[in-house]
Amino acid sequence: QVQLVESGGGLVQAGGSLRLSCAASISIFSHIGMGWYRQAPGKQREFVAAITSAGSTNYADSVKGRFTISRDNAKNTVYLQMNSLKPEDTAVYYCHAPLPARDYWGQGTQVTVSS
């Protein structure tokens, strides 16, 4: 059974940093791309960042230069390093695994940035 478990969220002041982790129970983890999405109150879920199995990365314009996605295939874990956080980054952050059969999502971790 596929499980994605996020951690690392919390409350931080504007300009601060957080690192999110997503531990994935996926046997083919090293062979698939992974991603992070976020959903702010009253808004639709939006793409944040993605990393391919080869390590290529892609970011939303709103986080480029501030966020970094990475992965550790030995630990079946994907990370999101978030620097220079802004109040508008406040959201629930979700880990995403687009497997061939279906997409999987984690339960989400809250990130709150105070001004």
PDB file of N, CA and C in Angstrom:
ATOM      1  N   GLN A   1       0.847  -1.193   0.000  1.00  0.00           N
ATOM      2  CA  GLN A   1       0.000   0.000   0.000  1.00  0.00           C
ATOM      3  C   GLN A   1       0.884   1.245   0.000  1.00  0.00           C
ATOM      4  N   VAL A   2       0.590   2.166  -0.890  1.00  0.00           N
ATOM      5  CA  VAL A   2       1.387   3.381  -1.005  1.00  0.00           C
ATOM      6  C   VAL A   2       0.994   4.356   0.091  1.00  0.00           C
ATOM      7  N   GLN A   3       2.001   4.890   0.764  1.00  0.00           N
ATOM      8  CA  GLN A   3       1.779   5.927   1.761  1.00  0.00           C
ATOM      9  C   GLN A   3       2.795   7.031   1.570  1.00  0.00           C
ATOM     10  N   LEU A   4       2.320   8.271   1.702  1.00  0.00           N
ATOM     11  CA  LEU A   4       3.179   9.442   1.669  1.00  0.00           C
ATOM     12  C   LEU A   4       2.973  10.175   2.986  1.00  0.00           C
ATOM     13  N   VAL A   5       4.044  10.377   3.732  1.00  0.00           N
ATOM     14  CA  VAL A   5       3.928  11.005   5.047  1.00  0.00           C
ATOM     15  C   VAL A   5       4.809  12.253   5.075  1.00  0.00           C
ATOM     16  N   GLU A   6       4.139  13.410   5.143  1.00  0.00           N
ATOM     17  CA  GLU A   6       4.870  14.676   5.189  1.00  0.00           C
ATOM     18  C   GLU A   6       5.190  15.064   6.630  1.00  0.00           C
ATOM     19  N   SER A   7       6.233  15.840   6.779  1.00  0.00           N
ATOM     20  CA  SER A   7       6.597  16.392   8.080  1.00  0.00           C
ATOM     21  C   SER A   7       7.409  17.660   7.852  1.00  0.00           C
ATOM     22  N   GLY A   8       7.578  18.437   8.920  1.00  0.00           N
ATOM     23  CA  GLY A   8       8.436  19.615   8.841  1.00  0.00           C
ATOM     24  C   GLY A   8       7.718  20.941   8.787  1.00  0.00           C
ATOM     25  N   GLY A   9       6.399  20.918   8.708  1.00  0.00           N
ATOM     26  CA  GLY A   9       5.659  22.168   8.688  1.00  0.00           C
ATOM     27  C   GLY A   9       5.702  22.855  10.047  1.00  0.00           C
ATOM     28  N   GLY A  10       5.178  24.086  10.077  1.00  0.00           N
ATOM     29  CA  GLY A  10       5.150  24.814  11.335  1.00  0.00           C
ATOM     30  C   GLY A  10       4.909  26.289  11.119  1.00  0.00           C
ATOM     31  N   LEU A  11       5.136  27.044  12.183  1.00  0.00           N
ATOM     32  CA  LEU A  11       4.961  28.494  12.165  1.00  0.00           C
ATOM     33  C   LEU A  11       6.332  29.146  12.104  1.00  0.00           C
ATOM     34  N   VAL A  12       6.496  30.074  11.179  1.00  0.00           N
ATOM     35  CA  VAL A  12       7.776  30.753  11.009  1.00  0.00           C
ATOM     36  C   VAL A  12       7.517  32.203  10.650  1.00  0.00           C
ATOM     37  N   GLN A  13       8.437  33.065  11.023  1.00  0.00           N
ATOM     38  CA  GLN A  13       8.314  34.473  10.665  1.00  0.00           C
ATOM     39  C   GLN A  13       8.737  34.695   9.216  1.00  0.00           C
ATOM     40  N   ALA A  14       8.220  35.743   8.635  1.00  0.00           N
ATOM     41  CA  ALA A  14       8.601  36.098   7.268  1.00  0.00           C
ATOM     42  C   ALA A  14      10.124  36.244   7.192  1.00  0.00           C
ATOM     43  N   GLY A  15      10.680  35.697   6.111  1.00  0.00           N
ATOM     44  CA  GLY A  15      12.120  35.687   5.937  1.00  0.00           C
ATOM     45  C   GLY A  15      12.792  34.447   6.467  1.00  0.00           C
ATOM     46  N   GLY A  16      12.060  33.645   7.196  1.00  0.00           N
ATOM     47  CA  GLY A  16      12.605  32.428   7.778  1.00  0.00           C
ATOM     48  C   GLY A  16      12.613  31.263   6.810  1.00  0.00           C
ATOM     49  N   SER A  17      13.008  30.104   7.335  1.00  0.00           N
ATOM     50  CA  SER A  17      13.152  28.900   6.511  1.00  0.00           C
ATOM     51  C   SER A  17      12.495  27.707   7.185  1.00  0.00           C
ATOM     52  N   LEU A  18      12.069  26.776   6.367  1.00  0.00           N
ATOM     53  CA  LEU A  18      11.573  25.482   6.818  1.00  0.00           C
ATOM     54  C   LEU A  18      12.003  24.438   5.798  1.00  0.00           C
ATOM     55  N   ARG A  19      12.155  23.193   6.254  1.00  0.00           N
ATOM     56  CA  ARG A  19      12.394  22.096   5.334  1.00  0.00           C
ATOM     57  C   ARG A  19      11.314  21.037   5.540  1.00  0.00           C
ATOM     58  N   LEU A  20      10.585  20.777   4.480  1.00  0.00           N
ATOM     59  CA  LEU A  20       9.559  19.735   4.506  1.00  0.00           C
ATOM     60  C   LEU A  20      10.158  18.423   4.014  1.00  0.00           C
ATOM     61  N   SER A  21       9.664  17.348   4.587  1.00  0.00           N
ATOM     62  CA  SER A  21      10.078  16.010   4.164  1.00  0.00           C
ATOM     63  C   SER A  21       8.843  15.197   3.810  1.00  0.00           C
ATOM     64  N   CYS A  22       9.013  14.294   2.864  1.00  0.00           N
ATOM     65  CA  CYS A  22       7.936  13.369   2.486  1.00  0.00           C
ATOM     66  C   CYS A  22       8.538  11.981   2.368  1.00  0.00           C
ATOM     67  N   ALA A  23       8.187  11.124   3.307  1.00  0.00           N
ATOM     68  CA  ALA A  23       8.650   9.741   3.284  1.00  0.00           C
ATOM     69  C   ALA A  23       7.641   8.904   2.508  1.00  0.00           C
ATOM     70  N   ALA A  24       8.120   8.195   1.507  1.00  0.00           N
ATOM     71  CA  ALA A  24       7.236   7.468   0.599  1.00  0.00           C
ATOM     72  C   ALA A  24       7.460   5.964   0.707  1.00  0.00           C
ATOM     73  N   SER A  25       6.377   5.238   0.908  1.00  0.00           N
ATOM     74  CA  SER A  25       6.459   3.772   0.915  1.00  0.00           C
ATOM     75  C   SER A  25       6.116   3.295  -0.497  1.00  0.00           C
ATOM     76  N   ILE A  26       7.054   3.492  -1.400  1.00  0.00           N
ATOM     77  CA  ILE A  26       6.859   3.147  -2.820  1.00  0.00           C
ATOM     78  C   ILE A  26       8.061   2.336  -3.256  1.00  0.00           C
ATOM     79  N   SER A  27       7.833   1.126  -3.729  1.00  0.00           N
ATOM     80  CA  SER A  27       8.947   0.245  -4.076  1.00  0.00           C
ATOM     81  C   SER A  27       9.750   0.766  -5.263  1.00  0.00           C
ATOM     82  N   ILE A  28       9.083   1.501  -6.152  1.00  0.00           N
ATOM     83  CA  ILE A  28       9.766   2.006  -7.347  1.00  0.00           C
ATOM     84  C   ILE A  28      10.117   3.483  -7.204  1.00  0.00           C
ATOM     85  N   PHE A  29      10.293   3.929  -5.966  1.00  0.00           N
ATOM     86  CA  PHE A  29      10.495   5.357  -5.696  1.00  0.00           C
ATOM     87  C   PHE A  29      11.582   5.965  -6.571  1.00  0.00           C
ATOM     88  N   SER A  30      12.708   5.291  -6.705  1.00  0.00           N
ATOM     89  CA  SER A  30      13.839   5.876  -7.429  1.00  0.00           C
ATOM     90  C   SER A  30      13.559   6.023  -8.920  1.00  0.00           C
ATOM     91  N   HIS A  31      12.484   5.409  -9.383  1.00  0.00           N
ATOM     92  CA  HIS A  31      12.170   5.413 -10.821  1.00  0.00           C
ATOM     93  C   HIS A  31      11.055   6.383 -11.185  1.00  0.00           C
ATOM     94  N   ILE A  32      10.535   7.120 -10.206  1.00  0.00           N
ATOM     95  CA  ILE A  32       9.410   8.009 -10.497  1.00  0.00           C
ATOM     96  C   ILE A  32       9.714   9.444 -10.100  1.00  0.00           C
ATOM     97  N   GLY A  33       9.026  10.364 -10.743  1.00  0.00           N
ATOM     98  CA  GLY A  33       9.086  11.749 -10.324  1.00  0.00           C
ATOM     99  C   GLY A  33       8.226  11.972  -9.103  1.00  0.00           C
ATOM    100  N   MET A  34       8.535  13.037  -8.354  1.00  0.00           N
ATOM    101  CA  MET A  34       7.775  13.396  -7.165  1.00  0.00           C
ATOM    102  C   MET A  34       7.525  14.898  -7.184  1.00  0.00           C
ATOM    103  N   GLY A  35       6.523  15.331  -6.445  1.00  0.00           N
ATOM    104  CA  GLY A  35       6.226  16.749  -6.447  1.00  0.00           C
ATOM    105  C   GLY A  35       5.667  17.258  -5.140  1.00  0.00           C
ATOM    106  N   TRP A  36       5.626  18.574  -5.053  1.00  0.00           N
ATOM    107  CA  TRP A  36       4.991  19.267  -3.924  1.00  0.00           C
ATOM    108  C   TRP A  36       3.942  20.228  -4.475  1.00  0.00           C
ATOM    109  N   TYR A  37       2.789  20.234  -3.808  1.00  0.00           N
ATOM    110  CA  TYR A  37       1.717  21.174  -4.116  1.00  0.00           C
ATOM    111  C   TYR A  37       1.330  21.864  -2.814  1.00  0.00           C
ATOM    112  N   ARG A  38       0.552  22.938  -2.937  1.00  0.00           N
ATOM    113  CA  ARG A  38       0.064  23.610  -1.733  1.00  0.00           C
ATOM    114  C   ARG A  38      -1.345  24.141  -1.978  1.00  0.00           C
ATOM    115  N   GLN A  39      -2.055  24.293  -0.869  1.00  0.00           N
ATOM    116  CA  GLN A  39      -3.416  24.828  -0.940  1.00  0.00           C
ATOM    117  C   GLN A  39      -3.624  25.796   0.199  1.00  0.00           C
ATOM    118  N   ALA A  40      -3.858  27.044  -0.162  1.00  0.00           N
ATOM    119  CA  ALA A  40      -4.147  28.085   0.819  1.00  0.00           C
ATOM    120  C   ALA A  40      -5.652  28.134   1.064  1.00  0.00           C
ATOM    121  N   PRO A  41      -6.077  28.671   2.205  1.00  0.00           N
ATOM    122  CA  PRO A  41      -7.517  28.737   2.505  1.00  0.00           C
ATOM    123  C   PRO A  41      -8.279  29.474   1.407  1.00  0.00           C
ATOM    124  N   GLY A  42      -9.346  28.844   0.941  1.00  0.00           N
ATOM    125  CA  GLY A  42     -10.194  29.470  -0.066  1.00  0.00           C
ATOM    126  C   GLY A  42      -9.633  29.444  -1.477  1.00  0.00           C
ATOM    127  N   LYS A  43      -8.505  28.765  -1.662  1.00  0.00           N
ATOM    128  CA  LYS A  43      -7.894  28.713  -2.989  1.00  0.00           C
ATOM    129  C   LYS A  43      -7.742  27.268  -3.457  1.00  0.00           C
ATOM    130  N   GLN A  44      -7.530  27.119  -4.761  1.00  0.00           N
ATOM    131  CA  GLN A  44      -7.310  25.787  -5.319  1.00  0.00           C
ATOM    132  C   GLN A  44      -5.892  25.311  -5.023  1.00  0.00           C
ATOM    133  N   ARG A  45      -5.729  24.005  -5.023  1.00  0.00           N
ATOM    134  CA  ARG A  45      -4.392  23.437  -4.864  1.00  0.00           C
ATOM    135  C   ARG A  45      -3.542  23.841  -6.057  1.00  0.00           C
ATOM    136  N   GLU A  46      -2.291  24.219  -5.793  1.00  0.00           N
ATOM    137  CA  GLU A  46      -1.421  24.679  -6.865  1.00  0.00           C
ATOM    138  C   GLU A  46      -0.063  23.982  -6.808  1.00  0.00           C
ATOM    139  N   PHE A  47       0.535  23.856  -7.969  1.00  0.00           N
ATOM    140  CA  PHE A  47       1.847  23.259  -8.106  1.00  0.00           C
ATOM    141  C   PHE A  47       2.903  24.147  -7.459  1.00  0.00           C
ATOM    142  N   VAL A  48       3.858  23.500  -6.775  1.00  0.00           N
ATOM    143  CA  VAL A  48       4.971  24.222  -6.173  1.00  0.00           C
ATOM    144  C   VAL A  48       6.297  23.815  -6.827  1.00  0.00           C
ATOM    145  N   ALA A  49       6.587  22.515  -6.831  1.00  0.00           N
ATOM    146  CA  ALA A  49       7.862  22.048  -7.360  1.00  0.00           C
ATOM    147  C   ALA A  49       7.772  20.569  -7.681  1.00  0.00           C
ATOM    148  N   ALA A  50       8.647  20.129  -8.586  1.00  0.00           N
ATOM    149  CA  ALA A  50       8.701  18.717  -8.951  1.00  0.00           C
ATOM    150  C   ALA A  50      10.139  18.334  -9.258  1.00  0.00           C
ATOM    151  N   ILE A  51      10.406  17.051  -9.080  1.00  0.00           N
ATOM    152  CA  ILE A  51      11.724  16.512  -9.385  1.00  0.00           C
ATOM    153  C   ILE A  51      11.548  15.182 -10.101  1.00  0.00           C
ATOM    154  N   THR A  52      12.279  15.006 -11.198  1.00  0.00           N
ATOM    155  CA  THR A  52      12.178  13.764 -11.949  1.00  0.00           C
ATOM    156  C   THR A  52      13.035  12.686 -11.296  1.00  0.00           C
ATOM    157  N   SER A  53      12.909  11.465 -11.814  1.00  0.00           N
ATOM    158  CA  SER A  53      13.732  10.369 -11.305  1.00  0.00           C
ATOM    159  C   SER A  53      15.217  10.639 -11.551  1.00  0.00           C
ATOM    160  N   ALA A  54      15.519  11.422 -12.579  1.00  0.00           N
ATOM    161  CA  ALA A  54      16.910  11.742 -12.904  1.00  0.00           C
ATOM    162  C   ALA A  54      17.434  12.947 -12.126  1.00  0.00           C
ATOM    163  N   GLY A  55      16.536  13.616 -11.394  1.00  0.00           N
ATOM    164  CA  GLY A  55      16.967  14.745 -10.578  1.00  0.00           C
ATOM    165  C   GLY A  55      16.725  16.112 -11.191  1.00  0.00           C
ATOM    166  N   SER A  56      16.102  16.157 -12.353  1.00  0.00           N
ATOM    167  CA  SER A  56      15.747  17.452 -12.935  1.00  0.00           C
ATOM    168  C   SER A  56      14.611  18.068 -12.143  1.00  0.00           C
ATOM    169  N   THR A  57      14.654  19.385 -12.006  1.00  0.00           N
ATOM    170  CA  THR A  57      13.666  20.059 -11.168  1.00  0.00           C
ATOM    171  C   THR A  57      12.882  21.109 -11.948  1.00  0.00           C
ATOM    172  N   ASN A  58      11.698  21.415 -11.410  1.00  0.00           N
ATOM    173  CA  ASN A  58      10.821  22.413 -12.010  1.00  0.00           C
ATOM    174  C   ASN A  58      10.105  23.119 -10.867  1.00  0.00           C
ATOM    175  N   TYR A  59       9.930  24.439 -11.001  1.00  0.00           N
ATOM    176  CA  TYR A  59       9.335  25.229  -9.923  1.00  0.00           C
ATOM    177  C   TYR A  59       8.259  26.173 -10.442  1.00  0.00           C
ATOM    178  N   ALA A  60       7.301  26.460  -9.589  1.00  0.00           N
ATOM    179  CA  ALA A  60       6.363  27.529  -9.860  1.00  0.00           C
ATOM    180  C   ALA A  60       7.125  28.852  -9.829  1.00  0.00           C
ATOM    181  N   ASP A  61       6.686  29.785 -10.652  1.00  0.00           N
ATOM    182  CA  ASP A  61       7.374  31.082 -10.705  1.00  0.00           C
ATOM    183  C   ASP A  61       7.410  31.757  -9.337  1.00  0.00           C
ATOM    184  N   SER A  62       6.363  31.545  -8.552  1.00  0.00           N
ATOM    185  CA  SER A  62       6.246  32.231  -7.268  1.00  0.00           C
ATOM    186  C   SER A  62       7.278  31.773  -6.238  1.00  0.00           C
ATOM    187  N   VAL A  63       7.918  30.626  -6.478  1.00  0.00           N
ATOM    188  CA  VAL A  63       8.875  30.106  -5.491  1.00  0.00           C
ATOM    189  C   VAL A  63      10.288  29.967  -6.054  1.00  0.00           C
ATOM    190  N   LYS A  64      10.456  30.242  -7.328  1.00  0.00           N
ATOM    191  CA  LYS A  64      11.789  30.118  -7.932  1.00  0.00           C
ATOM    192  C   LYS A  64      12.803  30.992  -7.203  1.00  0.00           C
ATOM    193  N   GLY A  65      13.958  30.404  -6.952  1.00  0.00           N
ATOM    194  CA  GLY A  65      15.011  31.138  -6.264  1.00  0.00           C
ATOM    195  C   GLY A  65      14.895  31.104  -4.748  1.00  0.00           C
ATOM    196  N   ARG A  66      13.759  30.627  -4.231  1.00  0.00           N
ATOM    197  CA  ARG A  66      13.559  30.566  -2.776  1.00  0.00           C
ATOM    198  C   ARG A  66      13.403  29.133  -2.278  1.00  0.00           C
ATOM    199  N   PHE A  67      12.779  28.283  -3.074  1.00  0.00           N
ATOM    200  CA  PHE A  67      12.525  26.897  -2.688  1.00  0.00           C
ATOM    201  C   PHE A  67      13.428  25.970  -3.496  1.00  0.00           C
ATOM    202  N   THR A  68      13.812  24.864  -2.874  1.00  0.00           N
ATOM    203  CA  THR A  68      14.607  23.842  -3.540  1.00  0.00           C
ATOM    204  C   THR A  68      14.046  22.464  -3.230  1.00  0.00           C
ATOM    205  N   ILE A  69      13.734  21.720  -4.281  1.00  0.00           N
ATOM    206  CA  ILE A  69      13.268  20.344  -4.110  1.00  0.00           C
ATOM    207  C   ILE A  69      14.445  19.405  -4.322  1.00  0.00           C
ATOM    208  N   SER A  70      14.497  18.364  -3.520  1.00  0.00           N
ATOM    209  CA  SER A  70      15.569  17.376  -3.663  1.00  0.00           C
ATOM    210  C   SER A  70      15.029  16.014  -3.243  1.00  0.00           C
ATOM    211  N   ARG A  71      15.816  14.982  -3.481  1.00  0.00           N
ATOM    212  CA  ARG A  71      15.365  13.635  -3.123  1.00  0.00           C
ATOM    213  C   ARG A  71      16.548  12.803  -2.655  1.00  0.00           C
ATOM    214  N   ASP A  72      16.246  11.848  -1.784  1.00  0.00           N
ATOM    215  CA  ASP A  72      17.232  10.874  -1.316  1.00  0.00           C
ATOM    216  C   ASP A  72      16.634   9.501  -1.592  1.00  0.00           C
ATOM    217  N   ASN A  73      17.071   8.874  -2.670  1.00  0.00           N
ATOM    218  CA  ASN A  73      16.484   7.599  -3.061  1.00  0.00           C
ATOM    219  C   ASN A  73      16.802   6.485  -2.050  1.00  0.00           C
ATOM    220  N   ALA A  74      17.894   6.615  -1.335  1.00  0.00           N
ATOM    221  CA  ALA A  74      18.234   5.605  -0.326  1.00  0.00           C
ATOM    222  C   ALA A  74      17.245   5.626   0.835  1.00  0.00           C
ATOM    223  N   LYS A  75      16.634   6.786   1.051  1.00  0.00           N
ATOM    224  CA  LYS A  75      15.659   6.933   2.143  1.00  0.00           C
ATOM    225  C   LYS A  75      14.226   7.023   1.643  1.00  0.00           C
ATOM    226  N   ASN A  76      14.014   6.887   0.341  1.00  0.00           N
ATOM    227  CA  ASN A  76      12.666   7.038  -0.235  1.00  0.00           C
ATOM    228  C   ASN A  76      12.005   8.328   0.248  1.00  0.00           C
ATOM    229  N   THR A  77      12.755   9.404   0.209  1.00  0.00           N
ATOM    230  CA  THR A  77      12.271  10.661   0.757  1.00  0.00           C
ATOM    231  C   THR A  77      12.535  11.808  -0.219  1.00  0.00           C
ATOM    232  N   VAL A  78      11.561  12.696  -0.304  1.00  0.00           N
ATOM    233  CA  VAL A  78      11.712  13.919  -1.087  1.00  0.00           C
ATOM    234  C   VAL A  78      11.591  15.100  -0.126  1.00  0.00           C
ATOM    235  N   TYR A  79      12.370  16.134  -0.393  1.00  0.00           N
ATOM    236  CA  TYR A  79      12.437  17.289   0.486  1.00  0.00           C
ATOM    237  C   TYR A  79      12.027  18.565  -0.246  1.00  0.00           C
ATOM    238  N   LEU A  80      11.592  19.544   0.526  1.00  0.00           N
ATOM    239  CA  LEU A  80      11.357  20.884   0.000  1.00  0.00           C
ATOM    240  C   LEU A  80      11.976  21.874   0.982  1.00  0.00           C
ATOM    241  N   GLN A  81      13.109  22.431   0.586  1.00  0.00           N
ATOM    242  CA  GLN A  81      13.746  23.460   1.384  1.00  0.00           C
ATOM    243  C   GLN A  81      13.148  24.799   1.009  1.00  0.00           C
ATOM    244  N   MET A  82      12.594  25.491   1.993  1.00  0.00           N
ATOM    245  CA  MET A  82      11.903  26.754   1.735  1.00  0.00           C
ATOM    246  C   MET A  82      12.625  27.869   2.485  1.00  0.00           C
ATOM    247  N   ASN A  83      13.179  28.793   1.723  1.00  0.00           N
ATOM    248  CA  ASN A  83      13.893  29.935   2.303  1.00  0.00           C
ATOM    249  C   ASN A  83      13.174  31.232   1.962  1.00  0.00           C
ATOM    250  N   SER A  84      13.521  32.281   2.671  1.00  0.00           N
ATOM    251  CA  SER A  84      12.928  33.607   2.426  1.00  0.00           C
ATOM    252  C   SER A  84      11.413  33.517   2.361  1.00  0.00           C
ATOM    253  N   LEU A  85      10.831  32.841   3.323  1.00  0.00           N
ATOM    254  CA  LEU A  85       9.386  32.611   3.317  1.00  0.00           C
ATOM    255  C   LEU A  85       8.616  33.915   3.444  1.00  0.00           C
ATOM    256  N   LYS A  86       7.466  33.939   2.779  1.00  0.00           N
ATOM    257  CA  LYS A  86       6.590  35.102   2.762  1.00  0.00           C
ATOM    258  C   LYS A  86       5.224  34.713   3.327  1.00  0.00           C
ATOM    259  N   PRO A  87       4.462  35.668   3.832  1.00  0.00           N
ATOM    260  CA  PRO A  87       3.117  35.345   4.329  1.00  0.00           C
ATOM    261  C   PRO A  87       2.260  34.645   3.279  1.00  0.00           C
ATOM    262  N   GLU A  88       2.454  34.981   2.013  1.00  0.00           N
ATOM    263  CA  GLU A  88       1.666  34.352   0.950  1.00  0.00           C
ATOM    264  C   GLU A  88       2.059  32.904   0.693  1.00  0.00           C
ATOM    265  N   ASP A  89       3.108  32.423   1.332  1.00  0.00           N
ATOM    266  CA  ASP A  89       3.457  31.000   1.252  1.00  0.00           C
ATOM    267  C   ASP A  89       2.641  30.160   2.245  1.00  0.00           C
ATOM    268  N   THR A  90       1.870  30.812   3.088  1.00  0.00           N
ATOM    269  CA  THR A  90       1.039  30.103   4.056  1.00  0.00           C
ATOM    270  C   THR A  90       0.041  29.201   3.344  1.00  0.00           C
ATOM    271  N   ALA A  91       0.079  27.906   3.675  1.00  0.00           N
ATOM    272  CA  ALA A  91      -0.777  26.922   3.010  1.00  0.00           C
ATOM    273  C   ALA A  91      -0.546  25.560   3.654  1.00  0.00           C
ATOM    274  N   VAL A  92      -1.393  24.616   3.271  1.00  0.00           N
ATOM    275  CA  VAL A  92      -1.118  23.214   3.548  1.00  0.00           C
ATOM    276  C   VAL A  92      -0.321  22.681   2.361  1.00  0.00           C
ATOM    277  N   TYR A  93       0.816  22.072   2.646  1.00  0.00           N
ATOM    278  CA  TYR A  93       1.697  21.551   1.609  1.00  0.00           C
ATOM    279  C   TYR A  93       1.522  20.036   1.501  1.00  0.00           C
ATOM    280  N   TYR A  94       1.349  19.574   0.252  1.00  0.00           N
ATOM    281  CA  TYR A  94       1.087  18.168  -0.021  1.00  0.00           C
ATOM    282  C   TYR A  94       2.188  17.567  -0.890  1.00  0.00           C
ATOM    283  N   CYS A  95       2.569  16.372  -0.531  1.00  0.00           N
ATOM    284  CA  CYS A  95       3.488  15.586  -1.351  1.00  0.00           C
ATOM    285  C   CYS A  95       2.671  14.837  -2.401  1.00  0.00           C
ATOM    286  N   HIS A  96       3.229  14.699  -3.595  1.00  0.00           N
ATOM    287  CA  HIS A  96       2.495  14.091  -4.714  1.00  0.00           C
ATOM    288  C   HIS A  96       3.363  13.046  -5.403  1.00  0.00           C
ATOM    289  N   ALA A  97       2.776  11.882  -5.643  1.00  0.00           N
ATOM    290  CA  ALA A  97       3.458  10.812  -6.361  1.00  0.00           C
ATOM    291  C   ALA A  97       2.589  10.374  -7.533  1.00  0.00           C
ATOM    292  N   PRO A  98       2.968  10.735  -8.741  1.00  0.00           N
ATOM    293  CA  PRO A  98       2.182  10.359  -9.919  1.00  0.00           C
ATOM    294  C   PRO A  98       2.568   8.958 -10.414  1.00  0.00           C
ATOM    295  N   LEU A  99       1.982   7.924  -9.813  1.00  0.00           N
ATOM    296  CA  LEU A  99       2.281   6.563 -10.233  1.00  0.00           C
ATOM    297  C   LEU A  99       1.477   6.202 -11.483  1.00  0.00           C
ATOM    298  N   PRO A 100       1.894   5.182 -12.219  1.00  0.00           N
ATOM    299  CA  PRO A 100       1.189   4.828 -13.466  1.00  0.00           C
ATOM    300  C   PRO A 100      -0.300   4.545 -13.264  1.00  0.00           C
ATOM    301  N   ALA A 101      -0.634   3.864 -12.157  1.00  0.00           N
ATOM    302  CA  ALA A 101      -2.037   3.479 -11.962  1.00  0.00           C
ATOM    303  C   ALA A 101      -2.887   4.661 -11.515  1.00  0.00           C
ATOM    304  N   ARG A 102      -2.362   5.517 -10.687  1.00  0.00           N
ATOM    305  CA  ARG A 102      -3.100   6.661 -10.148  1.00  0.00           C
ATOM    306  C   ARG A 102      -2.145   7.584  -9.430  1.00  0.00           C
ATOM    307  N   ASP A 103      -2.660   8.782  -9.120  1.00  0.00           N
ATOM    308  CA  ASP A 103      -1.888   9.731  -8.328  1.00  0.00           C
ATOM    309  C   ASP A 103      -2.093   9.459  -6.840  1.00  0.00           C
ATOM    310  N   TYR A 104      -1.042   9.669  -6.067  1.00  0.00           N
ATOM    311  CA  TYR A 104      -1.138   9.550  -4.618  1.00  0.00           C
ATOM    312  C   TYR A 104      -0.758  10.874  -3.982  1.00  0.00           C
ATOM    313  N   TRP A 105      -1.423  11.166  -2.841  1.00  0.00           N
ATOM    314  CA  TRP A 105      -1.187  12.402  -2.101  1.00  0.00           C
ATOM    315  C   TRP A 105      -0.942  12.081  -0.640  1.00  0.00           C
ATOM    316  N   GLY A 106      -0.109  12.894  -0.001  1.00  0.00           N
ATOM    317  CA  GLY A 106       0.049  12.798   1.430  1.00  0.00           C
ATOM    318  C   GLY A 106      -1.094  13.504   2.138  1.00  0.00           C
ATOM    319  N   GLN A 107      -1.033  13.471   3.462  1.00  0.00           N
ATOM    320  CA  GLN A 107      -2.105  14.073   4.257  1.00  0.00           C
ATOM    321  C   GLN A 107      -1.949  15.578   4.389  1.00  0.00           C
ATOM    322  N   GLY A 108      -0.767  16.071   4.054  1.00  0.00           N
ATOM    323  CA  GLY A 108      -0.524  17.506   4.113  1.00  0.00           C
ATOM    324  C   GLY A 108       0.133  17.946   5.404  1.00  0.00           C
ATOM    325  N   THR A 109       0.901  19.012   5.315  1.00  0.00           N
ATOM    326  CA  THR A 109       1.526  19.601   6.496  1.00  0.00           C
ATOM    327  C   THR A 109       1.355  21.123   6.415  1.00  0.00           C
ATOM    328  N   GLN A 110       0.936  21.712   7.524  1.00  0.00           N
ATOM    329  CA  GLN A 110       0.616  23.143   7.543  1.00  0.00           C
ATOM    330  C   GLN A 110       1.889  23.977   7.662  1.00  0.00           C
ATOM    331  N   VAL A 111       1.976  24.965   6.803  1.00  0.00           N
ATOM    332  CA  VAL A 111       3.037  25.971   6.887  1.00  0.00           C
ATOM    333  C   VAL A 111       2.371  27.331   7.070  1.00  0.00           C
ATOM    334  N   THR A 112       2.737  28.011   8.134  1.00  0.00           N
ATOM    335  CA  THR A 112       2.176  29.329   8.418  1.00  0.00           C
ATOM    336  C   THR A 112       3.320  30.326   8.561  1.00  0.00           C
ATOM    337  N   VAL A 113       3.268  31.376   7.752  1.00  0.00           N
ATOM    338  CA  VAL A 113       4.310  32.403   7.765  1.00  0.00           C
ATOM    339  C   VAL A 113       3.695  33.700   8.295  1.00  0.00           C
ATOM    340  N   SER A 114       4.206  34.164   9.400  1.00  0.00           N
ATOM    341  CA  SER A 114       3.680  35.391  10.002  1.00  0.00           C
ATOM    342  C   SER A 114       4.472  36.606   9.511  1.00  0.00           C
ATOM    343  N   SER A 115       3.768  37.717   9.408  1.00  0.00           N
ATOM    344  CA  SER A 115       4.408  38.944   8.905  1.00  0.00           C
ATOM    345  C   SER A 115       5.005  39.759  10.036  1.00  0.00           C
TER     346      SER A 115
END
